[in-house]
């Protein structure tokens, strides 16, 4: 089980690195949010900010010493993704991309008519994995000999 846990952790880290880099080459999801909401900061600003956060979270998750911090950052980003999918601005089923020649400001005709729910389910699965990393990291931290329990024992014995 521990081996599977390690593989899934590495998979999440690599996925986040890949997804973060992709935010700098594509961004139809954020373009769609911008179109639906009428708020013009989602693309490229929030798109690129999310990409940077995903890259940092993925890198932190890949390093055992910083895994908890990466899990916390990834949890925030991914729970935000789930929240946006549940909002009227994005929805569970989204367009699969932009049609050729689409340009800002985007209208309904700029998005493909085919839709997918894969990104929503991927957000749920990856958020759950990130939360698992946080849970394991917090448990290991509290069980560590340098954790708070040792400091409390030392202060009690000194008194």
Protein backbone atom coordinates (compact mmCIF):
# COMPACT_ATOMS: atom_id res chain seq x y z
CA UNK A 1 0.00 0.00 0.00
CA UNK A 2 2.85 2.35 0.82
CA UNK A 3 4.31 1.75 -2.64
CA UNK A 4 1.00 2.67 -4.30
CA UNK A 5 0.78 5.77 -2.11
CA UNK A 6 4.24 6.85 -3.27
CA UNK A 7 3.36 6.27 -6.94
CA UNK A 8 0.13 8.28 -6.63
CA UNK A 9 1.98 11.10 -4.87
CA UNK A 10 4.57 11.27 -7.64
CA UNK A 11 1.79 11.10 -10.25
CA UNK A 12 0.07 14.10 -8.65
CA UNK A 13 3.32 16.06 -8.50
CA UNK A 14 4.08 15.39 -12.16
CA UNK A 15 0.49 16.08 -13.16
CA UNK A 16 0.56 19.46 -11.40
CA UNK A 17 3.85 20.38 -13.09
CA UNK A 18 2.38 19.43 -16.46
CA UNK A 19 -0.92 21.23 -15.85
CA UNK A 20 0.91 24.32 -14.63
CA UNK A 21 3.11 24.50 -17.72
CA UNK A 22 0.04 23.98 -19.92
CA UNK A 23 -1.54 27.11 -18.42
CA UNK A 24 1.06 29.12 -20.34
CA UNK A 25 0.23 27.54 -23.70
CA UNK A 26 -3.54 27.01 -23.46
CA UNK A 27 -6.33 28.32 -21.35
CA UNK A 28 -9.73 27.75 -22.87
CA UNK A 29 -11.19 26.95 -19.42
CA UNK A 30 -10.20 30.38 -18.13
CA UNK A 31 -11.36 31.99 -21.36
CA UNK A 32 -14.71 30.29 -20.87
CA UNK A 33 -14.92 31.51 -17.25
CA UNK A 34 -14.12 35.01 -18.47
CA UNK A 35 -16.83 34.78 -21.14
CA UNK A 36 -19.43 33.39 -18.71
CA UNK A 37 -18.64 35.81 -15.86
CA UNK A 38 -17.88 38.96 -17.82
CA UNK A 39 -14.85 39.49 -15.56
CA UNK A 40 -11.83 40.12 -17.74
CA UNK A 41 -9.04 39.10 -15.33
CA UNK A 42 -9.43 35.34 -15.68
CA UNK A 43 -7.46 35.11 -18.90
CA UNK A 44 -4.50 35.46 -18.88
CA UNK A 45 -3.95 36.71 -15.31
CA UNK A 46 -5.73 34.10 -13.15
CA UNK A 47 -4.81 31.43 -15.71
CA UNK A 48 -1.08 32.22 -15.34
CA UNK A 49 -1.29 32.66 -11.57
CA UNK A 50 -2.92 29.23 -11.30
CA UNK A 51 -0.20 27.81 -13.54
CA UNK A 52 2.54 29.18 -11.29
CA UNK A 53 0.78 27.81 -8.19
CA UNK A 54 0.44 24.37 -9.82
CA UNK A 55 4.11 24.31 -10.83
CA UNK A 56 5.22 25.27 -7.31
CA UNK A 57 2.83 22.76 -5.69
CA UNK A 58 3.96 19.97 -8.01
CA UNK A 59 7.64 20.66 -7.33
CA UNK A 60 7.04 20.79 -3.56
CA UNK A 61 5.13 17.50 -3.64
CA UNK A 62 7.98 15.74 -5.42
CA UNK A 63 10.41 16.60 -2.59
CA UNK A 64 9.60 14.58 0.55
CA UNK A 65 10.78 17.35 2.91
CA UNK A 66 8.38 19.90 1.35
CA UNK A 67 5.54 17.52 0.49
CA UNK A 68 3.17 18.84 3.16
CA UNK A 69 3.53 22.43 1.92
CA UNK A 70 2.96 21.24 -1.65
CA UNK A 71 -0.09 19.29 -0.57
CA UNK A 72 -1.53 22.33 1.18
CA UNK A 73 -0.96 24.56 -1.87
CA UNK A 74 -2.30 21.91 -4.25
CA UNK A 75 -5.37 21.40 -2.05
CA UNK A 76 -6.17 25.10 -2.24
CA UNK A 77 -5.76 25.25 -6.01
CA UNK A 78 -7.68 22.04 -6.65
CA UNK A 79 -10.52 22.79 -4.24
CA UNK A 80 -10.78 26.16 -6.00
CA UNK A 81 -11.07 24.27 -9.30
CA UNK A 82 -13.85 22.09 -7.90
CA UNK A 83 -15.64 25.21 -6.61
CA UNK A 84 -15.44 26.89 -10.02
CA UNK A 85 -16.78 23.74 -11.69
CA UNK A 86 -19.76 23.88 -9.34
CA UNK A 87 -20.34 27.58 -10.07
CA UNK A 88 -22.54 28.88 -12.89
CA UNK A 89 -19.41 30.43 -14.43
CA UNK A 90 -17.88 27.10 -15.42
CA UNK A 91 -20.12 24.14 -14.72
CA UNK A 92 -19.46 20.43 -14.61
CA UNK A 93 -19.53 20.02 -18.39
CA UNK A 94 -17.37 22.51 -20.30
CA UNK A 95 -16.46 23.10 -23.97
CA UNK A 96 -13.52 20.98 -25.16
CA UNK A 97 -11.71 23.99 -26.62
CA UNK A 98 -11.85 27.06 -28.78
CA UNK A 99 -12.74 27.08 -32.47
CA UNK A 100 -10.03 28.19 -34.88
CA UNK A 101 -9.68 31.95 -35.07
CA UNK A 102 -11.37 32.67 -31.72
CA UNK A 103 -10.18 35.91 -30.13
CA UNK A 104 -11.05 38.10 -27.16
CA UNK A 105 -13.59 39.22 -26.26
CA UNK A 106 -14.93 35.68 -26.48
CA UNK A 107 -18.50 34.95 -27.41
CA UNK A 108 -20.55 31.76 -27.37
CA UNK A 109 -19.52 31.00 -30.97
CA UNK A 110 -15.82 30.97 -30.02
CA UNK A 111 -16.14 27.74 -28.01
CA UNK A 112 -16.51 24.26 -29.44
CA UNK A 113 -19.96 22.75 -29.21
CA UNK A 114 -18.58 19.45 -27.88
CA UNK A 115 -18.31 19.33 -24.10
CA UNK A 116 -16.62 17.18 -21.49
CA UNK A 117 -16.91 16.50 -17.77
CA UNK A 118 -13.43 14.97 -17.53
CA UNK A 119 -11.86 18.12 -16.10
CA UNK A 120 -14.42 18.23 -13.29
CA UNK A 121 -13.81 14.61 -12.30
CA UNK A 122 -10.06 15.12 -12.61
CA UNK A 123 -10.33 18.12 -10.26
CA UNK A 124 -12.18 15.98 -7.70
CA UNK A 125 -9.71 13.08 -7.89
CA UNK A 126 -6.62 15.29 -7.71
CA UNK A 127 -8.08 17.38 -4.86
CA UNK A 128 -8.75 14.17 -2.92
CA UNK A 129 -5.17 13.04 -3.52
CA UNK A 130 -3.78 16.41 -2.39
CA UNK A 131 -5.90 16.26 0.77
CA UNK A 132 -4.56 12.74 1.43
CA UNK A 133 -1.00 14.09 1.16
CA UNK A 134 -1.88 16.79 3.71
CA UNK A 135 -3.46 14.24 6.06
CA UNK A 136 -0.46 11.92 5.89
CA UNK A 137 1.97 14.82 6.23
CA UNK A 138 0.23 16.17 9.32
CA UNK A 139 0.07 12.72 10.87
CA UNK A 140 3.79 12.13 10.25
CA UNK A 141 4.61 15.57 11.58
CA UNK A 142 2.69 15.02 14.82
CA UNK A 143 4.29 11.58 15.28
CA UNK A 144 7.79 12.94 14.66
CA UNK A 145 10.19 12.97 17.64
CA UNK A 146 10.79 16.66 16.97
CA UNK A 147 7.05 17.38 16.91
CA UNK A 148 5.09 19.25 19.58
CA UNK A 149 4.59 16.18 21.77
CA UNK A 150 8.32 16.02 22.66
CA UNK A 151 8.41 19.70 23.61
CA UNK A 152 5.40 19.21 25.88
CA UNK A 153 7.02 16.19 27.56
CA UNK A 154 10.26 18.08 28.17
CA UNK A 155 8.44 21.01 29.78
CA UNK A 156 6.44 18.67 32.03
CA UNK A 157 9.56 16.78 33.17
CA UNK A 158 11.44 20.03 33.85
CA UNK A 159 8.68 21.29 36.17
